[in-house]
N, C-alpha and C. Protein backbone atom coordinates (compact mmCIF):
# COMPACT_ATOMS: atom_id res chain seq x y z
N UNK A 1 35.02 110.21 -15.27
CA UNK A 1 35.45 108.83 -15.10
C UNK A 1 36.97 108.72 -15.12
N UNK A 2 37.62 109.52 -15.96
CA UNK A 2 39.09 109.45 -16.03
C UNK A 2 39.73 109.72 -14.68
N UNK A 3 39.28 110.75 -13.97
CA UNK A 3 39.85 111.07 -12.67
C UNK A 3 39.69 109.94 -11.68
N UNK A 4 38.58 109.26 -11.75
CA UNK A 4 38.31 108.13 -10.85
C UNK A 4 39.32 107.01 -11.09
N UNK A 5 39.59 106.71 -12.36
CA UNK A 5 40.55 105.66 -12.68
C UNK A 5 41.94 106.07 -12.21
N UNK A 6 42.33 107.29 -12.49
CA UNK A 6 43.64 107.77 -12.06
C UNK A 6 43.76 107.71 -10.54
N UNK A 7 42.72 108.10 -9.84
CA UNK A 7 42.73 108.05 -8.38
C UNK A 7 42.94 106.63 -7.89
N UNK A 8 42.30 105.67 -8.52
CA UNK A 8 42.43 104.28 -8.11
C UNK A 8 43.85 103.78 -8.32
N UNK A 9 44.46 104.14 -9.45
CA UNK A 9 45.84 103.74 -9.72
C UNK A 9 46.78 104.40 -8.72
N UNK A 10 46.56 105.67 -8.45
CA UNK A 10 47.39 106.39 -7.47
C UNK A 10 47.24 105.78 -6.08
N UNK A 11 46.01 105.46 -5.68
CA UNK A 11 45.79 104.84 -4.37
C UNK A 11 46.49 103.49 -4.30
N UNK A 12 46.40 102.70 -5.35
CA UNK A 12 47.03 101.38 -5.37
C UNK A 12 48.54 101.50 -5.23
N UNK A 13 49.13 102.47 -5.91
CA UNK A 13 50.58 102.67 -5.82
C UNK A 13 50.98 103.08 -4.39
N UNK A 14 50.18 103.95 -3.77
CA UNK A 14 50.46 104.35 -2.39
C UNK A 14 50.35 103.14 -1.46
N UNK A 15 49.33 102.32 -1.67
CA UNK A 15 49.11 101.15 -0.82
C UNK A 15 50.29 100.19 -0.89
N UNK A 16 50.84 99.97 -2.09
CA UNK A 16 52.00 99.09 -2.24
C UNK A 16 53.17 99.62 -1.41
N UNK A 17 53.40 100.92 -1.46
CA UNK A 17 54.49 101.53 -0.69
C UNK A 17 54.24 101.39 0.81
N UNK A 18 53.01 101.61 1.22
CA UNK A 18 52.66 101.49 2.64
C UNK A 18 52.93 100.07 3.14
N UNK A 19 52.45 99.06 2.41
CA UNK A 19 52.61 97.68 2.87
C UNK A 19 54.07 97.24 2.85
N UNK A 20 54.84 97.74 1.91
CA UNK A 20 56.27 97.44 1.87
C UNK A 20 56.94 97.96 3.14
N UNK A 21 56.58 99.16 3.56
CA UNK A 21 57.15 99.73 4.79
C UNK A 21 56.69 98.96 6.03
N UNK A 22 55.41 98.57 6.05
CA UNK A 22 54.91 97.78 7.19
C UNK A 22 55.70 96.48 7.29
N UNK A 23 55.92 95.81 6.17
CA UNK A 23 56.64 94.54 6.17
C UNK A 23 58.09 94.69 6.62
N UNK A 24 58.65 95.89 6.48
CA UNK A 24 60.02 96.16 6.93
C UNK A 24 60.12 96.51 8.41
N UNK A 25 59.00 96.78 9.06
CA UNK A 25 59.02 97.13 10.48
C UNK A 25 59.49 95.94 11.32
N UNK A 26 60.41 96.15 12.26
CA UNK A 26 60.82 95.06 13.15
C UNK A 26 59.62 94.46 13.91
N UNK A 27 58.65 95.31 14.25
CA UNK A 27 57.47 94.84 14.97
C UNK A 27 56.65 93.88 14.12
N UNK A 28 56.58 94.13 12.82
CA UNK A 28 55.85 93.21 11.93
C UNK A 28 56.64 91.92 11.74
N UNK A 29 57.93 92.05 11.52
CA UNK A 29 58.77 90.86 11.33
C UNK A 29 58.69 89.92 12.53
N UNK A 30 58.62 90.49 13.73
CA UNK A 30 58.59 89.69 14.96
C UNK A 30 57.20 89.13 15.27
N UNK A 31 56.17 89.67 14.66
CA UNK A 31 54.80 89.28 14.98
C UNK A 31 54.43 87.92 14.37
N UNK A 32 53.93 87.04 15.20
CA UNK A 32 53.39 85.77 14.71
C UNK A 32 51.93 85.89 14.35
N UNK A 33 51.25 86.88 14.98
CA UNK A 33 49.83 87.09 14.73
C UNK A 33 49.55 88.57 14.55
N UNK A 34 48.68 88.87 13.57
CA UNK A 34 48.40 90.25 13.21
C UNK A 34 46.88 90.45 13.09
N UNK A 35 46.39 91.48 13.76
CA UNK A 35 45.00 91.88 13.58
C UNK A 35 44.96 92.93 12.48
N UNK A 36 44.27 92.60 11.39
CA UNK A 36 44.06 93.51 10.26
C UNK A 36 42.64 94.03 10.32
N UNK A 37 42.29 94.86 9.37
CA UNK A 37 40.90 95.23 9.13
C UNK A 37 40.61 94.88 7.68
N UNK A 38 39.36 94.64 7.35
CA UNK A 38 38.99 94.38 5.96
C UNK A 38 38.59 95.72 5.36
N UNK A 39 39.41 96.22 4.44
CA UNK A 39 39.29 97.60 3.97
C UNK A 39 38.05 97.86 3.12
N UNK A 40 37.60 99.11 3.23
CA UNK A 40 36.57 99.66 2.37
C UNK A 40 37.28 100.55 1.36
N UNK A 41 36.54 101.05 0.37
CA UNK A 41 37.13 101.78 -0.75
C UNK A 41 37.98 102.97 -0.33
N UNK A 42 37.62 103.67 0.73
CA UNK A 42 38.35 104.89 1.13
C UNK A 42 39.57 104.60 1.99
N UNK A 43 39.82 103.33 2.31
CA UNK A 43 40.90 102.97 3.21
C UNK A 43 42.05 102.30 2.46
N UNK A 44 43.21 102.27 3.09
CA UNK A 44 44.34 101.53 2.54
C UNK A 44 43.89 100.09 2.37
N UNK A 45 44.06 99.56 1.16
CA UNK A 45 43.55 98.23 0.82
C UNK A 45 44.32 97.14 1.56
N UNK A 46 43.61 96.29 2.26
CA UNK A 46 44.22 95.19 3.00
C UNK A 46 44.06 93.84 2.32
N UNK A 47 43.27 93.76 1.27
CA UNK A 47 42.90 92.46 0.69
C UNK A 47 44.11 91.70 0.15
N UNK A 48 44.93 92.33 -0.68
CA UNK A 48 46.11 91.65 -1.23
C UNK A 48 47.12 91.33 -0.12
N UNK A 49 47.24 92.24 0.84
CA UNK A 49 48.15 92.02 1.96
C UNK A 49 47.72 90.79 2.75
N UNK A 50 46.43 90.66 3.01
CA UNK A 50 45.91 89.49 3.74
C UNK A 50 46.17 88.21 2.95
N UNK A 51 45.96 88.25 1.65
CA UNK A 51 46.21 87.06 0.82
C UNK A 51 47.69 86.68 0.86
N UNK A 52 48.57 87.69 0.79
CA UNK A 52 50.01 87.43 0.77
C UNK A 52 50.47 86.79 2.08
N UNK A 53 49.93 87.23 3.20
CA UNK A 53 50.41 86.76 4.50
C UNK A 53 49.60 85.62 5.11
N UNK A 54 48.47 85.30 4.50
CA UNK A 54 47.66 84.18 5.01
C UNK A 54 48.48 82.89 4.92
N UNK A 55 48.55 82.18 6.02
CA UNK A 55 49.32 80.95 6.08
C UNK A 55 50.77 81.17 6.51
N UNK A 56 51.24 82.41 6.45
CA UNK A 56 52.60 82.73 6.88
C UNK A 56 52.61 83.33 8.28
N UNK A 57 51.53 84.05 8.60
CA UNK A 57 51.30 84.60 9.94
C UNK A 57 49.85 84.29 10.27
N UNK A 58 49.53 84.23 11.54
CA UNK A 58 48.14 84.07 11.97
C UNK A 58 47.49 85.43 11.80
N UNK A 59 46.45 85.50 10.97
CA UNK A 59 45.77 86.76 10.71
C UNK A 59 44.39 86.76 11.35
N UNK A 60 44.02 87.91 11.87
CA UNK A 60 42.72 88.10 12.49
C UNK A 60 42.03 89.31 11.88
N UNK A 61 40.71 89.31 11.95
CA UNK A 61 39.89 90.44 11.56
C UNK A 61 38.94 90.77 12.69
N UNK A 62 38.53 92.03 12.79
CA UNK A 62 37.53 92.37 13.81
C UNK A 62 36.14 91.96 13.36
N UNK A 63 35.31 91.63 14.33
CA UNK A 63 33.89 91.33 14.09
C UNK A 63 33.09 92.14 15.11
N UNK A 64 32.17 92.92 14.62
CA UNK A 64 31.36 93.75 15.52
C UNK A 64 30.40 92.86 16.31
N UNK A 65 30.41 93.07 17.63
CA UNK A 65 29.52 92.36 18.54
C UNK A 65 28.95 93.39 19.51
N UNK A 66 27.77 93.87 19.21
CA UNK A 66 27.18 94.94 20.02
C UNK A 66 27.98 96.21 19.87
N UNK A 67 28.53 96.72 20.97
CA UNK A 67 29.34 97.94 20.96
C UNK A 67 30.84 97.65 20.92
N UNK A 68 31.19 96.37 20.80
CA UNK A 68 32.60 95.97 20.87
C UNK A 68 33.05 95.27 19.59
N UNK A 69 34.36 95.06 19.52
CA UNK A 69 34.93 94.27 18.45
C UNK A 69 35.46 92.97 19.03
N UNK A 70 35.08 91.86 18.42
CA UNK A 70 35.69 90.57 18.71
C UNK A 70 36.83 90.40 17.73
N UNK A 71 37.87 89.71 18.14
CA UNK A 71 38.99 89.43 17.24
C UNK A 71 38.91 87.96 16.87
N UNK A 72 38.63 87.73 15.58
CA UNK A 72 38.44 86.35 15.11
C UNK A 72 39.39 86.04 13.96
N UNK A 73 39.73 84.78 13.84
CA UNK A 73 40.68 84.35 12.82
C UNK A 73 40.17 84.63 11.41
N UNK A 74 41.08 85.10 10.58
CA UNK A 74 40.78 85.32 9.16
C UNK A 74 40.93 84.00 8.42
N UNK A 75 39.84 83.53 7.88
CA UNK A 75 39.81 82.34 7.02
C UNK A 75 39.16 82.82 5.73
N UNK A 76 39.91 82.87 4.62
CA UNK A 76 39.41 83.50 3.39
C UNK A 76 38.02 83.07 2.94
N UNK A 77 37.70 81.79 3.10
CA UNK A 77 36.38 81.32 2.64
C UNK A 77 35.30 81.47 3.70
N UNK A 78 35.63 82.10 4.82
CA UNK A 78 34.68 82.18 5.93
C UNK A 78 34.50 83.63 6.39
N UNK A 79 34.38 84.56 5.44
CA UNK A 79 34.04 85.93 5.79
C UNK A 79 32.80 86.32 4.99
N UNK A 80 32.01 87.20 5.58
CA UNK A 80 30.75 87.62 4.96
C UNK A 80 30.43 89.04 5.41
N UNK A 81 29.55 89.73 4.68
CA UNK A 81 29.17 91.08 5.10
C UNK A 81 28.55 91.08 6.49
N UNK A 82 29.02 92.01 7.32
CA UNK A 82 28.49 92.16 8.67
C UNK A 82 28.07 93.60 8.89
N UNK A 83 28.51 94.18 9.99
CA UNK A 83 28.19 95.54 10.36
C UNK A 83 28.47 96.50 9.20
N UNK A 84 27.46 97.28 8.83
CA UNK A 84 27.56 98.25 7.73
C UNK A 84 28.08 97.64 6.43
N UNK A 85 27.88 96.34 6.24
CA UNK A 85 28.30 95.67 5.02
C UNK A 85 29.78 95.34 4.95
N UNK A 86 30.51 95.59 6.03
CA UNK A 86 31.95 95.31 6.06
C UNK A 86 32.15 93.80 6.23
N UNK A 87 33.07 93.26 5.47
CA UNK A 87 33.36 91.83 5.56
C UNK A 87 33.99 91.52 6.91
N UNK A 88 33.49 90.44 7.53
CA UNK A 88 34.03 90.03 8.82
C UNK A 88 33.90 88.52 8.97
N UNK A 89 34.68 87.93 9.87
CA UNK A 89 34.62 86.49 10.08
C UNK A 89 33.26 86.04 10.61
N UNK A 90 32.96 84.78 10.38
CA UNK A 90 31.71 84.23 10.90
C UNK A 90 31.85 83.97 12.40
N UNK A 91 30.74 83.63 13.02
CA UNK A 91 30.74 83.28 14.44
C UNK A 91 31.51 81.98 14.69
N UNK A 92 31.71 81.19 13.64
CA UNK A 92 32.44 79.92 13.78
C UNK A 92 33.96 80.11 13.80
N UNK A 93 34.43 81.25 13.31
CA UNK A 93 35.88 81.49 13.27
C UNK A 93 36.43 81.56 14.69
N UNK A 94 37.58 80.93 14.92
CA UNK A 94 38.16 80.95 16.28
C UNK A 94 38.48 82.38 16.75
N UNK A 95 38.26 82.59 18.05
CA UNK A 95 38.58 83.86 18.68
C UNK A 95 40.08 83.90 18.96
N UNK A 96 40.69 85.06 18.78
CA UNK A 96 42.14 85.21 19.00
C UNK A 96 42.49 84.97 20.45
N UNK A 97 43.56 84.22 20.66
CA UNK A 97 44.10 84.05 22.01
C UNK A 97 45.17 85.10 22.28
N UNK A 98 45.88 85.51 21.22
CA UNK A 98 46.98 86.45 21.37
C UNK A 98 47.16 87.20 20.07
N UNK A 99 47.41 88.49 20.17
CA UNK A 99 47.69 89.32 19.00
C UNK A 99 49.03 90.01 19.25
N UNK A 100 49.94 89.90 18.27
CA UNK A 100 51.27 90.48 18.41
C UNK A 100 51.39 91.87 17.79
N UNK A 101 50.48 92.22 16.88
CA UNK A 101 50.53 93.50 16.18
C UNK A 101 49.13 93.81 15.66
N UNK A 102 48.77 95.09 15.71
CA UNK A 102 47.48 95.53 15.19
C UNK A 102 47.71 96.54 14.07
N UNK A 103 47.05 96.34 12.95
CA UNK A 103 47.03 97.31 11.85
C UNK A 103 45.69 98.04 11.98
N UNK A 104 45.75 99.35 12.19
CA UNK A 104 44.57 100.13 12.53
C UNK A 104 44.15 101.03 11.36
N UNK A 105 42.88 100.99 10.99
CA UNK A 105 42.39 101.90 9.95
C UNK A 105 42.09 103.27 10.53
N UNK A 106 41.93 104.24 9.67
CA UNK A 106 41.53 105.57 10.10
C UNK A 106 41.24 106.46 8.92
N UNK A 107 40.44 107.47 9.18
CA UNK A 107 40.15 108.47 8.15
C UNK A 107 41.30 109.47 8.05
N UNK A 108 42.01 109.68 9.18
CA UNK A 108 43.16 110.59 9.21
C UNK A 108 44.05 110.21 10.39
N UNK A 109 45.35 110.51 10.22
CA UNK A 109 46.35 110.30 11.27
C UNK A 109 47.27 111.51 11.28
N UNK A 110 47.95 111.72 12.43
CA UNK A 110 49.01 112.73 12.48
C UNK A 110 50.29 112.09 13.01
N UNK A 111 51.37 112.85 13.03
CA UNK A 111 52.68 112.32 13.41
C UNK A 111 52.80 111.98 14.89
N UNK A 112 51.83 112.38 15.70
CA UNK A 112 51.83 112.04 17.12
C UNK A 112 51.03 110.77 17.41
N UNK A 113 50.53 110.13 16.37
CA UNK A 113 49.79 108.88 16.54
C UNK A 113 48.31 109.07 16.78
N UNK A 114 47.83 110.30 16.69
CA UNK A 114 46.40 110.54 16.84
C UNK A 114 45.68 110.03 15.60
N UNK A 115 44.46 109.56 15.79
CA UNK A 115 43.70 108.90 14.75
C UNK A 115 42.27 109.39 14.75
N UNK A 116 41.76 109.62 13.56
CA UNK A 116 40.34 109.94 13.39
C UNK A 116 39.68 108.72 12.77
N UNK A 117 38.76 108.12 13.51
CA UNK A 117 38.04 106.95 13.01
C UNK A 117 36.75 107.36 12.34
N UNK A 118 35.83 106.42 12.26
CA UNK A 118 34.55 106.67 11.61
C UNK A 118 33.45 107.07 12.58
N UNK A 119 33.81 107.22 13.86
CA UNK A 119 32.84 107.74 14.82
C UNK A 119 32.14 106.71 15.68
N UNK A 120 32.39 105.43 15.44
CA UNK A 120 31.73 104.40 16.24
C UNK A 120 32.43 104.10 17.55
N UNK A 121 33.69 104.46 17.68
CA UNK A 121 34.45 104.23 18.90
C UNK A 121 34.90 102.79 19.10
N UNK A 122 34.72 101.95 18.09
CA UNK A 122 35.07 100.53 18.24
C UNK A 122 36.55 100.33 18.56
N UNK A 123 37.43 100.98 17.79
CA UNK A 123 38.87 100.82 18.03
C UNK A 123 39.29 101.54 19.31
N UNK A 124 38.65 102.64 19.66
CA UNK A 124 38.97 103.32 20.92
C UNK A 124 38.66 102.43 22.12
N UNK A 125 37.67 101.56 22.00
CA UNK A 125 37.35 100.63 23.08
C UNK A 125 38.26 99.39 23.03
N UNK A 126 38.67 98.98 21.83
CA UNK A 126 39.48 97.77 21.68
C UNK A 126 40.96 97.99 22.03
N UNK A 127 41.57 99.04 21.52
CA UNK A 127 43.01 99.21 21.61
C UNK A 127 43.58 99.16 23.03
N UNK A 128 42.92 99.74 24.04
CA UNK A 128 43.51 99.67 25.39
C UNK A 128 43.63 98.24 25.93
N UNK A 129 42.86 97.32 25.38
CA UNK A 129 42.90 95.93 25.86
C UNK A 129 44.02 95.12 25.22
N UNK A 130 44.71 95.70 24.24
CA UNK A 130 45.76 94.99 23.52
C UNK A 130 47.13 95.53 23.91
N UNK A 131 48.00 94.64 24.38
CA UNK A 131 49.34 95.07 24.80
C UNK A 131 50.37 94.71 23.73
N UNK A 132 50.15 95.24 22.55
CA UNK A 132 51.05 95.00 21.43
C UNK A 132 51.16 96.29 20.62
N UNK A 133 52.15 96.38 19.72
CA UNK A 133 52.25 97.58 18.90
C UNK A 133 51.01 97.78 18.02
N UNK A 134 50.63 99.05 17.88
CA UNK A 134 49.48 99.44 17.06
C UNK A 134 50.00 100.32 15.93
N UNK A 135 49.74 99.89 14.69
CA UNK A 135 50.26 100.57 13.51
C UNK A 135 49.09 101.14 12.70
N UNK A 136 49.08 102.45 12.53
CA UNK A 136 48.09 103.10 11.68
C UNK A 136 48.64 103.23 10.28
N UNK A 137 47.80 102.96 9.29
CA UNK A 137 48.22 103.08 7.89
C UNK A 137 47.31 104.09 7.19
N UNK A 138 47.93 104.96 6.39
CA UNK A 138 47.13 105.96 5.69
C UNK A 138 47.80 106.44 4.41
N UNK A 139 46.97 106.86 3.48
CA UNK A 139 47.46 107.44 2.23
C UNK A 139 47.87 108.88 2.48
N UNK A 140 48.56 109.44 1.52
CA UNK A 140 49.12 110.79 1.63
C UNK A 140 48.07 111.81 2.09
N UNK A 141 46.90 111.81 1.47
CA UNK A 141 45.88 112.81 1.79
C UNK A 141 45.23 112.58 3.17
N UNK A 142 45.47 111.43 3.78
CA UNK A 142 44.91 111.13 5.09
C UNK A 142 45.86 111.48 6.23
N UNK A 143 47.07 111.88 5.89
CA UNK A 143 48.05 112.27 6.90
C UNK A 143 47.98 113.78 7.04
N UNK A 144 47.60 114.24 8.23
CA UNK A 144 47.35 115.66 8.45
C UNK A 144 48.25 116.20 9.56
N UNK A 145 48.33 117.51 9.64
CA UNK A 145 49.19 118.13 10.65
C UNK A 145 48.71 117.82 12.06
N UNK A 146 47.39 117.88 12.27
CA UNK A 146 46.87 117.63 13.62
C UNK A 146 45.46 117.06 13.54
N UNK A 147 45.27 115.93 14.21
CA UNK A 147 43.95 115.32 14.34
C UNK A 147 43.36 115.82 15.66
N UNK A 148 42.16 116.38 15.62
CA UNK A 148 41.53 116.78 16.89
C UNK A 148 41.21 115.54 17.73
N UNK A 149 41.48 115.60 19.02
CA UNK A 149 41.28 114.43 19.87
C UNK A 149 40.42 114.76 21.08
N UNK A 150 39.79 113.71 21.57
CA UNK A 150 39.02 113.75 22.80
C UNK A 150 39.74 112.87 23.82
N UNK A 151 39.36 112.96 25.08
CA UNK A 151 40.02 112.21 26.15
C UNK A 151 39.99 110.69 25.91
N UNK A 152 38.97 110.17 25.27
CA UNK A 152 38.81 108.73 25.07
C UNK A 152 39.51 108.21 23.80
N UNK A 153 39.99 109.10 22.95
CA UNK A 153 40.63 108.68 21.71
C UNK A 153 41.94 107.96 21.99
N UNK A 154 42.15 106.85 21.31
CA UNK A 154 43.35 106.04 21.48
C UNK A 154 44.33 106.31 20.36
N UNK A 155 45.59 106.44 20.72
CA UNK A 155 46.66 106.67 19.75
C UNK A 155 47.21 105.34 19.23
N UNK A 156 47.91 105.44 18.11
CA UNK A 156 48.69 104.30 17.61
C UNK A 156 50.16 104.58 17.92
N UNK A 157 50.96 103.53 17.87
CA UNK A 157 52.38 103.65 18.18
C UNK A 157 53.21 104.07 16.97
N UNK A 158 52.75 103.67 15.79
CA UNK A 158 53.46 103.94 14.55
C UNK A 158 52.43 104.35 13.50
N UNK A 159 52.75 105.35 12.69
CA UNK A 159 51.91 105.72 11.55
C UNK A 159 52.75 105.52 10.29
N UNK A 160 52.21 104.76 9.35
CA UNK A 160 52.89 104.49 8.09
C UNK A 160 52.14 105.17 6.96
N UNK A 161 52.86 106.04 6.24
CA UNK A 161 52.34 106.72 5.05
C UNK A 161 53.10 106.17 3.84
N UNK A 162 52.74 106.56 2.64
CA UNK A 162 53.50 106.07 1.48
C UNK A 162 54.98 106.48 1.51
N UNK A 163 55.31 107.56 2.21
CA UNK A 163 56.69 108.07 2.19
C UNK A 163 57.46 107.87 3.49
N UNK A 164 56.76 107.70 4.62
CA UNK A 164 57.45 107.70 5.92
C UNK A 164 56.79 106.77 6.93
N UNK A 165 57.59 106.43 7.95
CA UNK A 165 57.09 105.76 9.16
C UNK A 165 57.34 106.72 10.31
N UNK A 166 56.30 107.03 11.06
CA UNK A 166 56.42 107.91 12.22
C UNK A 166 56.30 107.06 13.48
N UNK A 167 57.35 107.05 14.27
CA UNK A 167 57.33 106.32 15.54
C UNK A 167 56.77 107.29 16.57
N UNK A 168 55.64 106.91 17.16
CA UNK A 168 54.91 107.85 18.01
C UNK A 168 55.07 107.55 19.51
N UNK A 169 55.14 106.27 19.91
CA UNK A 169 55.14 105.96 21.34
C UNK A 169 56.12 104.88 21.77
N UNK A 170 56.59 104.09 20.89
CA UNK A 170 57.36 102.89 21.30
C UNK A 170 58.62 103.27 22.02
């Protein structure tokens, strides 16, 4: 149990550093609307970040619809468990008209912007339709030398770790 608690504290400290760096990015400062993800335990925590920026920027969350992701407005009192128990907006939440920045989850990232997702391909199908900067966030152990990629895998433009920001495509 001790290791679990220490891991949680270490993860929280890394997450604070990651979000501080994201907030310093010119792309984030310029963005009026941001697509986030609602984090699970193994991912960089987005919950406090969403609370901090709600009402200051237009925030969106993905909602699984068949094989695709819909981008719907984040309204704190209007999210519920959806696909695989992940919290997502209701069908009543407004659909995004425009997204200025995307925060992308992943199991692993590398310095070239390659990303390893959870295998559903949802973000690989969504990202090409968005013409805005894509920022991957990951903890220290999720940043690897090389992520194996397939032809359909989509890269991010920036990878933010607790210690660095890697500009990959901009």
